[in-house]
Amino acid sequence: MQLLAEHEQFAKVCLGNETVIRRTQNVGDRLISSGHYATSAIKTQ
């Protein structure tokens, strides 16, 4: 039962972070599209 509770908590944390991850990816994509001077570094991260 505790393992299930831990899994549910992990799933909630993952879903909560999904928005932040998507937002970060979108910013990186926009920087790359605009020809940012650090495009190669942005692509690797």
PDB file of N, CA and C in Angstrom:
ATOM      1  N   MET A   1       0.826  -1.197   0.000  1.00  0.00           N
ATOM      2  CA  MET A   1       0.000   0.000   0.000  1.00  0.00           C
ATOM      3  C   MET A   1       0.867   1.256   0.000  1.00  0.00           C
ATOM      4  N   GLN A   2       1.972   1.232   0.739  1.00  0.00           N
ATOM      5  CA  GLN A   2       2.846   2.398   0.774  1.00  0.00           C
ATOM      6  C   GLN A   2       3.495   2.626  -0.588  1.00  0.00           C
ATOM      7  N   LEU A   3       3.846   1.548  -1.275  1.00  0.00           N
ATOM      8  CA  LEU A   3       4.450   1.678  -2.600  1.00  0.00           C
ATOM      9  C   LEU A   3       3.486   2.363  -3.565  1.00  0.00           C
ATOM     10  N   LEU A   4       2.227   2.018  -3.483  1.00  0.00           N
ATOM     11  CA  LEU A   4       1.221   2.654  -4.334  1.00  0.00           C
ATOM     12  C   LEU A   4       1.109   4.144  -4.016  1.00  0.00           C
ATOM     13  N   ALA A   5       1.123   4.483  -2.750  1.00  0.00           N
ATOM     14  CA  ALA A   5       1.045   5.889  -2.346  1.00  0.00           C
ATOM     15  C   ALA A   5       2.265   6.660  -2.847  1.00  0.00           C
ATOM     16  N   GLU A   6       3.437   6.044  -2.764  1.00  0.00           N
ATOM     17  CA  GLU A   6       4.649   6.689  -3.255  1.00  0.00           C
ATOM     18  C   GLU A   6       4.578   6.888  -4.769  1.00  0.00           C
ATOM     19  N   HIS A   7       4.061   5.897  -5.459  1.00  0.00           N
ATOM     20  CA  HIS A   7       3.923   6.002  -6.910  1.00  0.00           C
ATOM     21  C   HIS A   7       2.953   7.125  -7.275  1.00  0.00           C
ATOM     22  N   GLU A   8       1.844   7.221  -6.581  1.00  0.00           N
ATOM     23  CA  GLU A   8       0.866   8.274  -6.847  1.00  0.00           C
ATOM     24  C   GLU A   8       1.473   9.650  -6.601  1.00  0.00           C
ATOM     25  N   GLN A   9       2.259   9.774  -5.541  1.00  0.00           N
ATOM     26  CA  GLN A   9       2.920  11.046  -5.241  1.00  0.00           C
ATOM     27  C   GLN A   9       3.920  11.396  -6.343  1.00  0.00           C
ATOM     28  N   PHE A  10       4.677  10.406  -6.786  1.00  0.00           N
ATOM     29  CA  PHE A  10       5.634  10.615  -7.869  1.00  0.00           C
ATOM     30  C   PHE A  10       4.924  11.075  -9.140  1.00  0.00           C
ATOM     31  N   ALA A  11       3.810  10.445  -9.461  1.00  0.00           N
ATOM     32  CA  ALA A  11       3.044  10.811 -10.654  1.00  0.00           C
ATOM     33  C   ALA A  11       2.547  12.255 -10.559  1.00  0.00           C
ATOM     34  N   LYS A  12       2.100  12.675  -9.386  1.00  0.00           N
ATOM     35  CA  LYS A  12       1.632  14.050  -9.196  1.00  0.00           C
ATOM     36  C   LYS A  12       2.768  15.045  -9.405  1.00  0.00           C
ATOM     37  N   VAL A  13       3.938  14.723  -8.878  1.00  0.00           N
ATOM     38  CA  VAL A  13       5.096  15.607  -9.033  1.00  0.00           C
ATOM     39  C   VAL A  13       5.480  15.713 -10.506  1.00  0.00           C
ATOM     40  N   CYS A  14       5.481  14.596 -11.196  1.00  0.00           N
ATOM     41  CA  CYS A  14       5.819  14.598 -12.628  1.00  0.00           C
ATOM     42  C   CYS A  14       4.844  15.454 -13.418  1.00  0.00           C
ATOM     43  N   LEU A  15       3.572  15.305 -13.160  1.00  0.00           N
ATOM     44  CA  LEU A  15       2.566  16.095 -13.871  1.00  0.00           C
ATOM     45  C   LEU A  15       2.705  17.577 -13.551  1.00  0.00           C
ATOM     46  N   GLY A  16       3.055  17.873 -12.317  1.00  0.00           N
ATOM     47  CA  GLY A  16       3.244  19.263 -11.923  1.00  0.00           C
ATOM     48  C   GLY A  16       4.425  19.902 -12.625  1.00  0.00           C
ATOM     49  N   ASN A  17       5.454  19.122 -12.885  1.00  0.00           N
ATOM     50  CA  ASN A  17       6.648  19.642 -13.546  1.00  0.00           C
ATOM     51  C   ASN A  17       6.504  19.708 -15.056  1.00  0.00           C
ATOM     52  N   GLU A  18       5.531  19.032 -15.597  1.00  0.00           N
ATOM     53  CA  GLU A  18       5.358  18.985 -17.047  1.00  0.00           C
ATOM     54  C   GLU A  18       5.165  20.379 -17.640  1.00  0.00           C
ATOM     55  N   THR A  19       4.412  21.226 -16.983  1.00  0.00           N
ATOM     56  CA  THR A  19       4.167  22.583 -17.471  1.00  0.00           C
ATOM     57  C   THR A  19       5.465  23.378 -17.518  1.00  0.00           C
ATOM     58  N   VAL A  20       6.265  23.262 -16.483  1.00  0.00           N
ATOM     59  CA  VAL A  20       7.536  23.988 -16.431  1.00  0.00           C
ATOM     60  C   VAL A  20       8.471  23.501 -17.530  1.00  0.00           C
ATOM     61  N   ILE A  21       8.512  22.197 -17.741  1.00  0.00           N
ATOM     62  CA  ILE A  21       9.374  21.626 -18.775  1.00  0.00           C
ATOM     63  C   ILE A  21       8.939  22.103 -20.151  1.00  0.00           C
ATOM     64  N   ARG A  22       7.653  22.071 -20.424  1.00  0.00           N
ATOM     65  CA  ARG A  22       7.150  22.536 -21.730  1.00  0.00           C
ATOM     66  C   ARG A  22       7.455  24.010 -21.956  1.00  0.00           C
ATOM     67  N   ARG A  23       7.270  24.813 -20.924  1.00  0.00           N
ATOM     68  CA  ARG A  23       7.542  26.243 -21.042  1.00  0.00           C
ATOM     69  C   ARG A  23       9.024  26.473 -21.352  1.00  0.00           C
ATOM     70  N   THR A  24       9.898  25.748 -20.672  1.00  0.00           N
ATOM     71  CA  THR A  24      11.332  25.872 -20.905  1.00  0.00           C
ATOM     72  C   THR A  24      11.693  25.454 -22.323  1.00  0.00           C
ATOM     73  N   GLN A  25      11.100  24.362 -22.784  1.00  0.00           N
ATOM     74  CA  GLN A  25      11.354  23.913 -24.155  1.00  0.00           C
ATOM     75  C   GLN A  25      10.877  24.945 -25.170  1.00  0.00           C
ATOM     76  N   ASN A  26       9.736  25.550 -24.923  1.00  0.00           N
ATOM     77  CA  ASN A  26       9.207  26.570 -25.835  1.00  0.00           C
ATOM     78  C   ASN A  26      10.122  27.789 -25.908  1.00  0.00           C
ATOM     79  N   VAL A  27      10.640  28.207 -24.768  1.00  0.00           N
ATOM     80  CA  VAL A  27      11.566  29.341 -24.756  1.00  0.00           C
ATOM     81  C   VAL A  27      12.822  28.989 -25.541  1.00  0.00           C
ATOM     82  N   GLY A  28      13.351  27.795 -25.320  1.00  0.00           N
ATOM     83  CA  GLY A  28      14.530  27.359 -26.065  1.00  0.00           C
ATOM     84  C   GLY A  28      14.274  27.319 -27.559  1.00  0.00           C
ATOM     85  N   ASP A  29      13.129  26.809 -27.954  1.00  0.00           N
ATOM     86  CA  ASP A  29      12.769  26.755 -29.375  1.00  0.00           C
ATOM     87  C   ASP A  29      12.694  28.155 -29.984  1.00  0.00           C
ATOM     88  N   ARG A  30      12.122  29.089 -29.227  1.00  0.00           N
ATOM     89  CA  ARG A  30      12.023  30.464 -29.732  1.00  0.00           C
ATOM     90  C   ARG A  30      13.406  31.100 -29.869  1.00  0.00           C
ATOM     91  N   LEU A  31      14.275  30.833 -28.902  1.00  0.00           N
ATOM     92  CA  LEU A  31      15.631  31.377 -28.986  1.00  0.00           C
ATOM     93  C   LEU A  31      16.363  30.823 -30.204  1.00  0.00           C
ATOM     94  N   ILE A  32      16.226  29.527 -30.437  1.00  0.00           N
ATOM     95  CA  ILE A  32      16.863  28.895 -31.595  1.00  0.00           C
ATOM     96  C   ILE A  32      16.303  29.479 -32.886  1.00  0.00           C
ATOM     97  N   SER A  33      14.994  29.614 -32.957  1.00  0.00           N
ATOM     98  CA  SER A  33      14.342  30.140 -34.166  1.00  0.00           C
ATOM     99  C   SER A  33      14.755  31.574 -34.476  1.00  0.00           C
ATOM    100  N   SER A  34      15.049  32.324 -33.434  1.00  0.00           N
ATOM    101  CA  SER A  34      15.412  33.728 -33.640  1.00  0.00           C
ATOM    102  C   SER A  34      16.892  33.908 -33.941  1.00  0.00           C
ATOM    103  N   GLY A  35      17.653  32.814 -33.979  1.00  0.00           N
ATOM    104  CA  GLY A  35      19.076  32.909 -34.297  1.00  0.00           C
ATOM    105  C   GLY A  35      19.931  33.349 -33.129  1.00  0.00           C
ATOM    106  N   HIS A  36      19.553  32.999 -31.938  1.00  0.00           N
ATOM    107  CA  HIS A  36      20.302  33.351 -30.739  1.00  0.00           C
ATOM    108  C   HIS A  36      21.764  32.942 -30.887  1.00  0.00           C
ATOM    109  N   TYR A  37      22.673  33.765 -30.344  1.00  0.00           N
ATOM    110  CA  TYR A  37      24.106  33.499 -30.494  1.00  0.00           C
ATOM    111  C   TYR A  37      24.537  32.173 -29.869  1.00  0.00           C
ATOM    112  N   ALA A  38      23.783  31.661 -28.912  1.00  0.00           N
ATOM    113  CA  ALA A  38      24.139  30.413 -28.234  1.00  0.00           C
ATOM    114  C   ALA A  38      23.260  29.253 -28.695  1.00  0.00           C
ATOM    115  N   THR A  39      22.839  29.283 -29.936  1.00  0.00           N
ATOM    116  CA  THR A  39      21.934  28.260 -30.461  1.00  0.00           C
ATOM    117  C   THR A  39      22.477  26.855 -30.262  1.00  0.00           C
ATOM    118  N   SER A  40      23.760  26.645 -30.537  1.00  0.00           N
ATOM    119  CA  SER A  40      24.313  25.288 -30.412  1.00  0.00           C
ATOM    120  C   SER A  40      24.271  24.808 -28.964  1.00  0.00           C
ATOM    121  N   ALA A  41      24.542  25.690 -28.020  1.00  0.00           N
ATOM    122  CA  ALA A  41      24.483  25.311 -26.606  1.00  0.00           C
ATOM    123  C   ALA A  41      23.047  25.042 -26.172  1.00  0.00           C
ATOM    124  N   ILE A  42      22.120  25.828 -26.672  1.00  0.00           N
ATOM    125  CA  ILE A  42      20.708  25.640 -26.331  1.00  0.00           C
ATOM    126  C   ILE A  42      20.227  24.292 -26.841  1.00  0.00           C
ATOM    127  N   LYS A  43      20.638  23.926 -28.056  1.00  0.00           N
ATOM    128  CA  LYS A  43      20.223  22.644 -28.630  1.00  0.00           C
ATOM    129  C   LYS A  43      20.729  21.462 -27.817  1.00  0.00           C
ATOM    130  N   THR A  44      21.920  21.563 -27.253  1.00  0.00           N
ATOM    131  CA  THR A  44      22.477  20.431 -26.504  1.00  0.00           C
ATOM    132  C   THR A  44      21.882  20.317 -25.115  1.00  0.00           C
ATOM    133  N   GLN A  45      21.302  21.377 -24.623  1.00  0.00           N
ATOM    134  CA  GLN A  45      20.733  21.316 -23.286  1.00  0.00           C
ATOM    135  C   GLN A  45      19.265  21.093 -23.385  1.00  0.00           C
TER     136      GLN A  45
END
